[in-house]
Amino acid sequence: MDLYSILKLLHIASAMLWAGGLAGLLMLQAGEARSGPAGLLASARRTARFARVIVGPAAVGSLLFGGALVYMAWSVLDLWIAMALSGFLATFVVDAFLVGRLERLLPDADAAPSPEAMAVAGRILNAARFDALVLFSILALMVLKPGTQDAALAAAVATVVLAGGVLLLRPRRAVPG
Protein backbone atom coordinates (compact mmCIF):
# COMPACT_ATOMS: atom_id res chain seq x y z
CA MET A 1 0.00 0.00 0.00
CA ASP A 2 1.39 3.40 -0.95
CA LEU A 3 1.05 6.81 0.69
CA TYR A 4 -1.46 8.01 -1.92
CA SER A 5 -3.83 5.13 -1.07
CA ILE A 6 -3.58 5.82 2.66
CA LEU A 7 -4.26 9.53 2.13
CA LYS A 8 -7.21 8.71 -0.12
CA LEU A 9 -8.65 6.41 2.56
CA LEU A 10 -8.29 9.15 5.19
CA HIS A 11 -9.79 11.73 2.81
CA ILE A 12 -12.82 9.52 2.13
CA ALA A 13 -13.24 8.60 5.82
CA SER A 14 -13.21 12.31 6.74
CA ALA A 15 -15.72 13.06 3.99
CA MET A 16 -17.96 10.24 5.26
CA LEU A 17 -17.91 11.68 8.79
CA TRP A 18 -18.59 15.15 7.37
CA ALA A 19 -21.49 13.94 5.20
CA GLY A 20 -22.86 11.54 7.80
CA GLY A 21 -22.74 14.21 10.48
CA LEU A 22 -24.68 16.63 8.31
CA ALA A 23 -27.19 13.96 7.29
CA GLY A 24 -27.77 13.07 10.93
CA LEU A 25 -28.25 16.72 11.84
CA LEU A 26 -30.81 17.17 9.08
CA MET A 27 -32.78 14.14 10.28
CA LEU A 28 -32.73 15.41 13.87
CA GLN A 29 -33.83 18.85 12.69
CA ALA A 30 -36.82 17.40 10.88
CA GLY A 31 -38.02 15.58 13.99
CA GLU A 32 -37.34 18.37 16.45
CA ALA A 33 -38.97 21.04 14.31
CA ARG A 34 -42.31 19.28 14.86
CA SER A 35 -41.99 19.59 18.63
CA GLY A 36 -42.61 23.34 18.63
CA PRO A 37 -40.49 26.39 19.41
CA ALA A 38 -38.54 24.82 22.27
CA GLY A 39 -37.60 21.88 20.06
CA LEU A 40 -36.52 24.20 17.26
CA LEU A 41 -34.28 26.17 19.61
CA ALA A 42 -32.79 22.96 21.04
CA SER A 43 -32.17 21.75 17.49
CA ALA A 44 -30.38 24.98 16.59
CA ARG A 45 -28.17 24.73 19.69
CA ARG A 46 -27.36 21.10 18.96
CA THR A 47 -26.69 21.83 15.29
CA ALA A 48 -24.27 24.65 16.06
CA ARG A 49 -22.42 22.62 18.71
CA PHE A 50 -22.24 19.43 16.60
CA ALA A 51 -21.06 21.39 13.58
CA ARG A 52 -18.30 22.96 15.65
CA VAL A 53 -17.18 19.72 17.35
CA ILE A 54 -17.71 17.00 14.70
CA VAL A 55 -18.65 18.29 11.26
CA GLY A 56 -16.13 21.13 11.13
CA PRO A 57 -13.10 19.04 12.11
CA ALA A 58 -14.17 16.30 9.67
CA ALA A 59 -14.40 18.91 6.91
CA VAL A 60 -10.92 20.21 7.75
CA GLY A 61 -9.57 16.65 7.74
CA SER A 62 -11.12 16.06 4.35
CA LEU A 63 -9.57 19.30 3.09
CA LEU A 64 -6.10 18.49 4.44
CA PHE A 65 -6.02 14.91 3.16
CA GLY A 66 -7.51 16.04 -0.15
CA GLY A 67 -4.91 18.79 -0.36
CA ALA A 68 -2.16 16.21 0.03
CA LEU A 69 -3.74 14.15 -2.76
CA VAL A 70 -3.91 17.19 -5.02
CA TYR A 71 -0.26 17.94 -4.29
CA MET A 72 0.71 14.37 -5.19
CA ALA A 73 -1.34 13.78 -8.33
CA TRP A 74 -3.65 16.63 -9.34
CA SER A 75 -3.73 20.39 -9.76
CA VAL A 76 -5.77 23.11 -8.06
CA LEU A 77 -6.32 24.39 -11.60
CA ASP A 78 -8.50 21.37 -12.41
CA LEU A 79 -12.04 22.73 -12.60
CA TRP A 80 -13.58 20.17 -10.23
CA ILE A 81 -10.91 20.80 -7.61
CA ALA A 82 -11.19 24.59 -7.87
CA MET A 83 -14.99 24.35 -7.55
CA ALA A 84 -14.76 21.95 -4.60
CA LEU A 85 -12.32 24.27 -2.83
CA SER A 86 -14.70 27.19 -3.47
CA GLY A 87 -17.52 25.17 -1.93
CA PHE A 88 -15.42 24.34 1.10
CA LEU A 89 -14.51 28.01 1.49
CA ALA A 90 -18.20 28.97 1.28
CA THR A 91 -19.19 26.55 4.04
CA PHE A 92 -16.21 27.61 6.15
CA VAL A 93 -17.19 31.28 5.91
CA VAL A 94 -20.86 30.54 6.67
CA ASP A 95 -20.03 28.32 9.64
CA ALA A 96 -17.21 30.37 11.12
CA PHE A 97 -18.72 33.80 10.73
CA LEU A 98 -22.49 33.45 10.41
CA VAL A 99 -23.28 30.42 12.57
CA GLY A 100 -20.67 31.32 15.17
CA ARG A 101 -22.17 34.80 15.56
CA LEU A 102 -25.76 33.52 15.52
CA GLU A 103 -25.05 30.82 18.11
CA ARG A 104 -24.11 33.53 20.62
CA LEU A 105 -27.52 35.16 20.05
CA LEU A 106 -29.50 32.07 21.06
CA PRO A 107 -31.15 32.37 24.47
CA ASP A 108 -30.36 30.02 27.33
CA ALA A 109 -32.18 26.69 27.28
CA ASP A 110 -34.55 27.74 30.08
CA ALA A 111 -35.52 31.06 28.43
CA ALA A 112 -38.90 31.42 26.75
CA PRO A 113 -38.72 31.32 22.93
CA SER A 114 -39.09 34.79 21.41
CA PRO A 115 -39.73 35.63 17.75
CA GLU A 116 -36.15 36.93 17.50
CA ALA A 117 -34.74 33.71 18.94
CA MET A 118 -36.84 31.66 16.53
CA ALA A 119 -35.49 33.71 13.61
CA VAL A 120 -31.91 33.11 14.78
CA ALA A 121 -32.60 29.38 15.20
CA GLY A 122 -34.07 29.25 11.70
CA ARG A 123 -30.96 30.86 10.23
CA ILE A 124 -28.69 28.37 12.01
CA LEU A 125 -30.75 25.44 10.75
CA ASN A 126 -30.78 26.87 7.22
CA ALA A 127 -27.00 27.26 7.36
CA ALA A 128 -26.74 23.52 8.08
CA ARG A 129 -29.02 22.84 5.11
CA PHE A 130 -26.79 25.03 2.95
CA ASP A 131 -23.74 23.10 4.19
CA ALA A 132 -25.41 19.82 3.21
CA LEU A 133 -26.26 21.18 -0.24
CA VAL A 134 -22.68 22.34 -0.79
CA LEU A 135 -21.26 19.09 0.54
CA PHE A 136 -23.44 17.06 -1.84
CA SER A 137 -22.21 19.29 -4.66
CA ILE A 138 -18.60 18.72 -3.59
CA LEU A 139 -19.19 14.96 -3.51
CA ALA A 140 -20.70 15.15 -7.01
CA LEU A 141 -17.64 17.07 -8.20
CA MET A 142 -15.29 14.50 -6.63
CA VAL A 143 -17.06 11.63 -8.37
CA LEU A 144 -17.83 13.24 -11.75
CA LYS A 145 -14.63 15.33 -12.01
CA PRO A 146 -15.93 17.80 -14.60
CA GLY A 147 -13.31 19.57 -16.66
CA THR A 148 -13.60 22.57 -18.93
CA GLN A 149 -15.21 20.33 -21.54
CA ASP A 150 -18.08 19.73 -19.06
CA ALA A 151 -19.02 23.39 -18.68
CA ALA A 152 -22.76 22.64 -18.55
CA LEU A 153 -22.35 20.25 -15.61
CA ALA A 154 -20.06 22.65 -13.78
CA ALA A 155 -22.50 25.51 -14.40
CA ALA A 156 -25.40 23.39 -13.11
CA VAL A 157 -23.55 22.57 -9.89
CA ALA A 158 -22.59 26.22 -9.39
CA THR A 159 -26.17 27.35 -10.07
CA VAL A 160 -27.63 24.92 -7.53
CA VAL A 161 -25.16 26.08 -4.86
CA LEU A 162 -25.73 29.77 -5.58
CA ALA A 163 -29.51 29.39 -5.61
CA GLY A 164 -29.36 27.40 -2.38
CA GLY A 165 -27.24 30.11 -0.81
CA VAL A 166 -29.67 32.82 -1.81
CA LEU A 167 -32.70 30.88 -0.60
CA LEU A 168 -31.23 29.48 2.62
CA LEU A 169 -28.89 32.20 3.86
CA ARG A 170 -30.88 35.37 3.35
CA PRO A 171 -31.81 37.12 6.60
CA ARG A 172 -35.39 36.73 7.72
CA ARG A 173 -37.30 39.10 9.90
CA ALA A 174 -38.67 37.89 13.18
CA VAL A 175 -42.43 37.40 12.95
CA PRO A 176 -44.25 39.16 15.77
CA GLY A 177 -46.03 36.66 18.00
C-alpha atoms as a PDB file:
ATOM      1  CA  MET A   1       0.000   0.000   0.000  1.00  0.00           C
ATOM      2  CA  ASP A   2       1.390   3.405  -0.953  1.00  0.00           C
ATOM      3  CA  LEU A   3       1.050   6.813   0.692  1.00  0.00           C
ATOM      4  CA  TYR A   4      -1.462   8.015  -1.920  1.00  0.00           C
ATOM      5  CA  SER A   5      -3.830   5.132  -1.071  1.00  0.00           C
ATOM      6  CA  ILE A   6      -3.579   5.819   2.659  1.00  0.00           C
ATOM      7  CA  LEU A   7      -4.259   9.532   2.133  1.00  0.00           C
ATOM      8  CA  LYS A   8      -7.208   8.706  -0.121  1.00  0.00           C
ATOM      9  CA  LEU A   9      -8.646   6.412   2.558  1.00  0.00           C
ATOM     10  CA  LEU A  10      -8.289   9.151   5.192  1.00  0.00           C
ATOM     11  CA  HIS A  11      -9.790  11.726   2.807  1.00  0.00           C
ATOM     12  CA  ILE A  12     -12.819   9.518   2.128  1.00  0.00           C
ATOM     13  CA  ALA A  13     -13.237   8.602   5.818  1.00  0.00           C
ATOM     14  CA  SER A  14     -13.207  12.313   6.737  1.00  0.00           C
ATOM     15  CA  ALA A  15     -15.720  13.064   3.992  1.00  0.00           C
ATOM     16  CA  MET A  16     -17.957  10.242   5.263  1.00  0.00           C
ATOM     17  CA  LEU A  17     -17.913  11.676   8.787  1.00  0.00           C
ATOM     18  CA  TRP A  18     -18.593  15.146   7.373  1.00  0.00           C
ATOM     19  CA  ALA A  19     -21.485  13.944   5.200  1.00  0.00           C
ATOM     20  CA  GLY A  20     -22.856  11.543   7.800  1.00  0.00           C
ATOM     21  CA  GLY A  21     -22.744  14.214  10.480  1.00  0.00           C
ATOM     22  CA  LEU A  22     -24.681  16.630   8.315  1.00  0.00           C
ATOM     23  CA  ALA A  23     -27.192  13.962   7.287  1.00  0.00           C
ATOM     24  CA  GLY A  24     -27.773  13.066  10.927  1.00  0.00           C
ATOM     25  CA  LEU A  25     -28.247  16.715  11.841  1.00  0.00           C
ATOM     26  CA  LEU A  26     -30.812  17.173   9.084  1.00  0.00           C
ATOM     27  CA  MET A  27     -32.779  14.143  10.276  1.00  0.00           C
ATOM     28  CA  LEU A  28     -32.726  15.405  13.868  1.00  0.00           C
ATOM     29  CA  GLN A  29     -33.825  18.846  12.693  1.00  0.00           C
ATOM     30  CA  ALA A  30     -36.819  17.403  10.878  1.00  0.00           C
ATOM     31  CA  GLY A  31     -38.018  15.577  13.987  1.00  0.00           C
ATOM     32  CA  GLU A  32     -37.338  18.369  16.445  1.00  0.00           C
ATOM     33  CA  ALA A  33     -38.973  21.040  14.308  1.00  0.00           C
ATOM     34  CA  ARG A  34     -42.307  19.278  14.861  1.00  0.00           C
ATOM     35  CA  SER A  35     -41.990  19.592  18.627  1.00  0.00           C
ATOM     36  CA  GLY A  36     -42.613  23.343  18.633  1.00  0.00           C
ATOM     37  CA  PRO A  37     -40.490  26.392  19.412  1.00  0.00           C
ATOM     38  CA  ALA A  38     -38.539  24.824  22.270  1.00  0.00           C
ATOM     39  CA  GLY A  39     -37.597  21.878  20.055  1.00  0.00           C
ATOM     40  CA  LEU A  40     -36.524  24.196  17.263  1.00  0.00           C
ATOM     41  CA  LEU A  41     -34.280  26.175  19.614  1.00  0.00           C
ATOM     42  CA  ALA A  42     -32.794  22.960  21.036  1.00  0.00           C
ATOM     43  CA  SER A  43     -32.167  21.747  17.490  1.00  0.00           C
ATOM     44  CA  ALA A  44     -30.379  24.983  16.593  1.00  0.00           C
ATOM     45  CA  ARG A  45     -28.172  24.734  19.690  1.00  0.00           C
ATOM     46  CA  ARG A  46     -27.358  21.098  18.963  1.00  0.00           C
ATOM     47  CA  THR A  47     -26.685  21.827  15.290  1.00  0.00           C
ATOM     48  CA  ALA A  48     -24.267  24.651  16.060  1.00  0.00           C
ATOM     49  CA  ARG A  49     -22.423  22.619  18.710  1.00  0.00           C
ATOM     50  CA  PHE A  50     -22.238  19.430  16.597  1.00  0.00           C
ATOM     51  CA  ALA A  51     -21.055  21.395  13.576  1.00  0.00           C
ATOM     52  CA  ARG A  52     -18.297  22.965  15.651  1.00  0.00           C
ATOM     53  CA  VAL A  53     -17.181  19.716  17.349  1.00  0.00           C
ATOM     54  CA  ILE A  54     -17.714  16.996  14.704  1.00  0.00           C
ATOM     55  CA  VAL A  55     -18.648  18.290  11.260  1.00  0.00           C
ATOM     56  CA  GLY A  56     -16.127  21.129  11.126  1.00  0.00           C
ATOM     57  CA  PRO A  57     -13.096  19.035  12.114  1.00  0.00           C
ATOM     58  CA  ALA A  58     -14.166  16.295   9.671  1.00  0.00           C
ATOM     59  CA  ALA A  59     -14.397  18.907   6.911  1.00  0.00           C
ATOM     60  CA  VAL A  60     -10.924  20.211   7.755  1.00  0.00           C
ATOM     61  CA  GLY A  61      -9.572  16.648   7.742  1.00  0.00           C
ATOM     62  CA  SER A  62     -11.116  16.058   4.348  1.00  0.00           C
ATOM     63  CA  LEU A  63      -9.570  19.300   3.089  1.00  0.00           C
ATOM     64  CA  LEU A  64      -6.099  18.494   4.440  1.00  0.00           C
ATOM     65  CA  PHE A  65      -6.021  14.915   3.161  1.00  0.00           C
ATOM     66  CA  GLY A  66      -7.511  16.042  -0.150  1.00  0.00           C
ATOM     67  CA  GLY A  67      -4.910  18.794  -0.361  1.00  0.00           C
ATOM     68  CA  ALA A  68      -2.157  16.207   0.032  1.00  0.00           C
ATOM     69  CA  LEU A  69      -3.738  14.151  -2.757  1.00  0.00           C
ATOM     70  CA  VAL A  70      -3.906  17.194  -5.016  1.00  0.00           C
ATOM     71  CA  TYR A  71      -0.258  17.944  -4.285  1.00  0.00           C
ATOM     72  CA  MET A  72       0.709  14.374  -5.192  1.00  0.00           C
ATOM     73  CA  ALA A  73      -1.344  13.780  -8.335  1.00  0.00           C
ATOM     74  CA  TRP A  74      -3.648  16.625  -9.345  1.00  0.00           C
ATOM     75  CA  SER A  75      -3.733  20.388  -9.762  1.00  0.00           C
ATOM     76  CA  VAL A  76      -5.768  23.106  -8.057  1.00  0.00           C
ATOM     77  CA  LEU A  77      -6.318  24.393 -11.603  1.00  0.00           C
ATOM     78  CA  ASP A  78      -8.496  21.367 -12.410  1.00  0.00           C
ATOM     79  CA  LEU A  79     -12.043  22.728 -12.598  1.00  0.00           C
ATOM     80  CA  TRP A  80     -13.577  20.168 -10.233  1.00  0.00           C
ATOM     81  CA  ILE A  81     -10.912  20.804  -7.609  1.00  0.00           C
ATOM     82  CA  ALA A  82     -11.195  24.586  -7.872  1.00  0.00           C
ATOM     83  CA  MET A  83     -14.991  24.350  -7.547  1.00  0.00           C
ATOM     84  CA  ALA A  84     -14.761  21.947  -4.597  1.00  0.00           C
ATOM     85  CA  LEU A  85     -12.321  24.272  -2.827  1.00  0.00           C
ATOM     86  CA  SER A  86     -14.695  27.186  -3.472  1.00  0.00           C
ATOM     87  CA  GLY A  87     -17.525  25.172  -1.927  1.00  0.00           C
ATOM     88  CA  PHE A  88     -15.417  24.340   1.102  1.00  0.00           C
ATOM     89  CA  LEU A  89     -14.512  28.009   1.488  1.00  0.00           C
ATOM     90  CA  ALA A  90     -18.204  28.974   1.276  1.00  0.00           C
ATOM     91  CA  THR A  91     -19.186  26.549   4.041  1.00  0.00           C
ATOM     92  CA  PHE A  92     -16.208  27.613   6.148  1.00  0.00           C
ATOM     93  CA  VAL A  93     -17.190  31.280   5.905  1.00  0.00           C
ATOM     94  CA  VAL A  94     -20.858  30.545   6.671  1.00  0.00           C
ATOM     95  CA  ASP A  95     -20.031  28.323   9.637  1.00  0.00           C
ATOM     96  CA  ALA A  96     -17.206  30.365  11.117  1.00  0.00           C
ATOM     97  CA  PHE A  97     -18.716  33.799  10.728  1.00  0.00           C
ATOM     98  CA  LEU A  98     -22.490  33.450  10.407  1.00  0.00           C
ATOM     99  CA  VAL A  99     -23.282  30.421  12.570  1.00  0.00           C
ATOM    100  CA  GLY A 100     -20.671  31.321  15.167  1.00  0.00           C
ATOM    101  CA  ARG A 101     -22.174  34.798  15.559  1.00  0.00           C
ATOM    102  CA  LEU A 102     -25.757  33.518  15.520  1.00  0.00           C
ATOM    103  CA  GLU A 103     -25.049  30.824  18.114  1.00  0.00           C
ATOM    104  CA  ARG A 104     -24.109  33.528  20.620  1.00  0.00           C
ATOM    105  CA  LEU A 105     -27.520  35.161  20.048  1.00  0.00           C
ATOM    106  CA  LEU A 106     -29.504  32.073  21.065  1.00  0.00           C
ATOM    107  CA  PRO A 107     -31.148  32.371  24.472  1.00  0.00           C
ATOM    108  CA  ASP A 108     -30.361  30.017  27.331  1.00  0.00           C
ATOM    109  CA  ALA A 109     -32.182  26.687  27.284  1.00  0.00           C
ATOM    110  CA  ASP A 110     -34.545  27.737  30.080  1.00  0.00           C
ATOM    111  CA  ALA A 111     -35.519  31.060  28.425  1.00  0.00           C
ATOM    112  CA  ALA A 112     -38.904  31.417  26.749  1.00  0.00           C
ATOM    113  CA  PRO A 113     -38.723  31.323  22.930  1.00  0.00           C
ATOM    114  CA  SER A 114     -39.093  34.785  21.407  1.00  0.00           C
ATOM    115  CA  PRO A 115     -39.733  35.633  17.747  1.00  0.00           C
ATOM    116  CA  GLU A 116     -36.155  36.928  17.497  1.00  0.00           C
ATOM    117  CA  ALA A 117     -34.739  33.711  18.942  1.00  0.00           C
ATOM    118  CA  MET A 118     -36.841  31.658  16.527  1.00  0.00           C
ATOM    119  CA  ALA A 119     -35.490  33.708  13.606  1.00  0.00           C
ATOM    120  CA  VAL A 120     -31.913  33.105  14.784  1.00  0.00           C
ATOM    121  CA  ALA A 121     -32.596  29.383  15.197  1.00  0.00           C
ATOM    122  CA  GLY A 122     -34.073  29.247  11.701  1.00  0.00           C
ATOM    123  CA  ARG A 123     -30.962  30.857  10.231  1.00  0.00           C
ATOM    124  CA  ILE A 124     -28.693  28.373  12.008  1.00  0.00           C
ATOM    125  CA  LEU A 125     -30.751  25.442  10.747  1.00  0.00           C
ATOM    126  CA  ASN A 126     -30.783  26.874   7.222  1.00  0.00           C
ATOM    127  CA  ALA A 127     -27.000  27.264   7.357  1.00  0.00           C
ATOM    128  CA  ALA A 128     -26.740  23.523   8.085  1.00  0.00           C
ATOM    129  CA  ARG A 129     -29.023  22.837   5.113  1.00  0.00           C
ATOM    130  CA  PHE A 130     -26.788  25.026   2.951  1.00  0.00           C
ATOM    131  CA  ASP A 131     -23.738  23.095   4.185  1.00  0.00           C
ATOM    132  CA  ALA A 132     -25.406  19.822   3.208  1.00  0.00           C
ATOM    133  CA  LEU A 133     -26.257  21.181  -0.242  1.00  0.00           C
ATOM    134  CA  VAL A 134     -22.682  22.345  -0.792  1.00  0.00           C
ATOM    135  CA  LEU A 135     -21.263  19.085   0.541  1.00  0.00           C
ATOM    136  CA  PHE A 136     -23.445  17.061  -1.839  1.00  0.00           C
ATOM    137  CA  SER A 137     -22.211  19.294  -4.661  1.00  0.00           C
ATOM    138  CA  ILE A 138     -18.597  18.719  -3.594  1.00  0.00           C
ATOM    139  CA  LEU A 139     -19.192  14.959  -3.512  1.00  0.00           C
ATOM    140  CA  ALA A 140     -20.698  15.147  -7.008  1.00  0.00           C
ATOM    141  CA  LEU A 141     -17.640  17.074  -8.201  1.00  0.00           C
ATOM    142  CA  MET A 142     -15.294  14.501  -6.630  1.00  0.00           C
ATOM    143  CA  VAL A 143     -17.064  11.627  -8.374  1.00  0.00           C
ATOM    144  CA  LEU A 144     -17.827  13.242 -11.749  1.00  0.00           C
ATOM    145  CA  LYS A 145     -14.625  15.334 -12.005  1.00  0.00           C
ATOM    146  CA  PRO A 146     -15.934  17.796 -14.601  1.00  0.00           C
ATOM    147  CA  GLY A 147     -13.306  19.574 -16.661  1.00  0.00           C
ATOM    148  CA  THR A 148     -13.598  22.571 -18.926  1.00  0.00           C
ATOM    149  CA  GLN A 149     -15.214  20.325 -21.539  1.00  0.00           C
ATOM    150  CA  ASP A 150     -18.076  19.732 -19.062  1.00  0.00           C
ATOM    151  CA  ALA A 151     -19.020  23.392 -18.683  1.00  0.00           C
ATOM    152  CA  ALA A 152     -22.759  22.641 -18.554  1.00  0.00           C
ATOM    153  CA  LEU A 153     -22.352  20.249 -15.615  1.00  0.00           C
ATOM    154  CA  ALA A 154     -20.059  22.652 -13.782  1.00  0.00           C
ATOM    155  CA  ALA A 155     -22.497  25.510 -14.397  1.00  0.00           C
ATOM    156  CA  ALA A 156     -25.399  23.386 -13.114  1.00  0.00           C
ATOM    157  CA  VAL A 157     -23.552  22.565  -9.890  1.00  0.00           C
ATOM    158  CA  ALA A 158     -22.594  26.218  -9.389  1.00  0.00           C
ATOM    159  CA  THR A 159     -26.174  27.351 -10.066  1.00  0.00           C
ATOM    160  CA  VAL A 160     -27.627  24.916  -7.527  1.00  0.00           C
ATOM    161  CA  VAL A 161     -25.162  26.078  -4.857  1.00  0.00           C
ATOM    162  CA  LEU A 162     -25.727  29.772  -5.579  1.00  0.00           C
ATOM    163  CA  ALA A 163     -29.511  29.385  -5.614  1.00  0.00           C
ATOM    164  CA  GLY A 164     -29.356  27.404  -2.380  1.00  0.00           C
ATOM    165  CA  GLY A 165     -27.236  30.110  -0.805  1.00  0.00           C
ATOM    166  CA  VAL A 166     -29.668  32.824  -1.812  1.00  0.00           C
ATOM    167  CA  LEU A 167     -32.700  30.876  -0.602  1.00  0.00           C
ATOM    168  CA  LEU A 168     -31.226  29.483   2.624  1.00  0.00           C
ATOM    169  CA  LEU A 169     -28.894  32.201   3.856  1.00  0.00           C
ATOM    170  CA  ARG A 170     -30.880  35.375   3.350  1.00  0.00           C
ATOM    171  CA  PRO A 171     -31.808  37.122   6.600  1.00  0.00           C
ATOM    172  CA  ARG A 172     -35.392  36.726   7.720  1.00  0.00           C
ATOM    173  CA  ARG A 173     -37.305  39.104   9.903  1.00  0.00           C
ATOM    174  CA  ALA A 174     -38.674  37.892  13.183  1.00  0.00           C
ATOM    175  CA  VAL A 175     -42.427  37.399  12.952  1.00  0.00           C
ATOM    176  CA  PRO A 176     -44.249  39.159  15.769  1.00  0.00           C
ATOM    177  CA  GLY A 177     -46.032  36.661  18.001  1.00  0.00           C
END
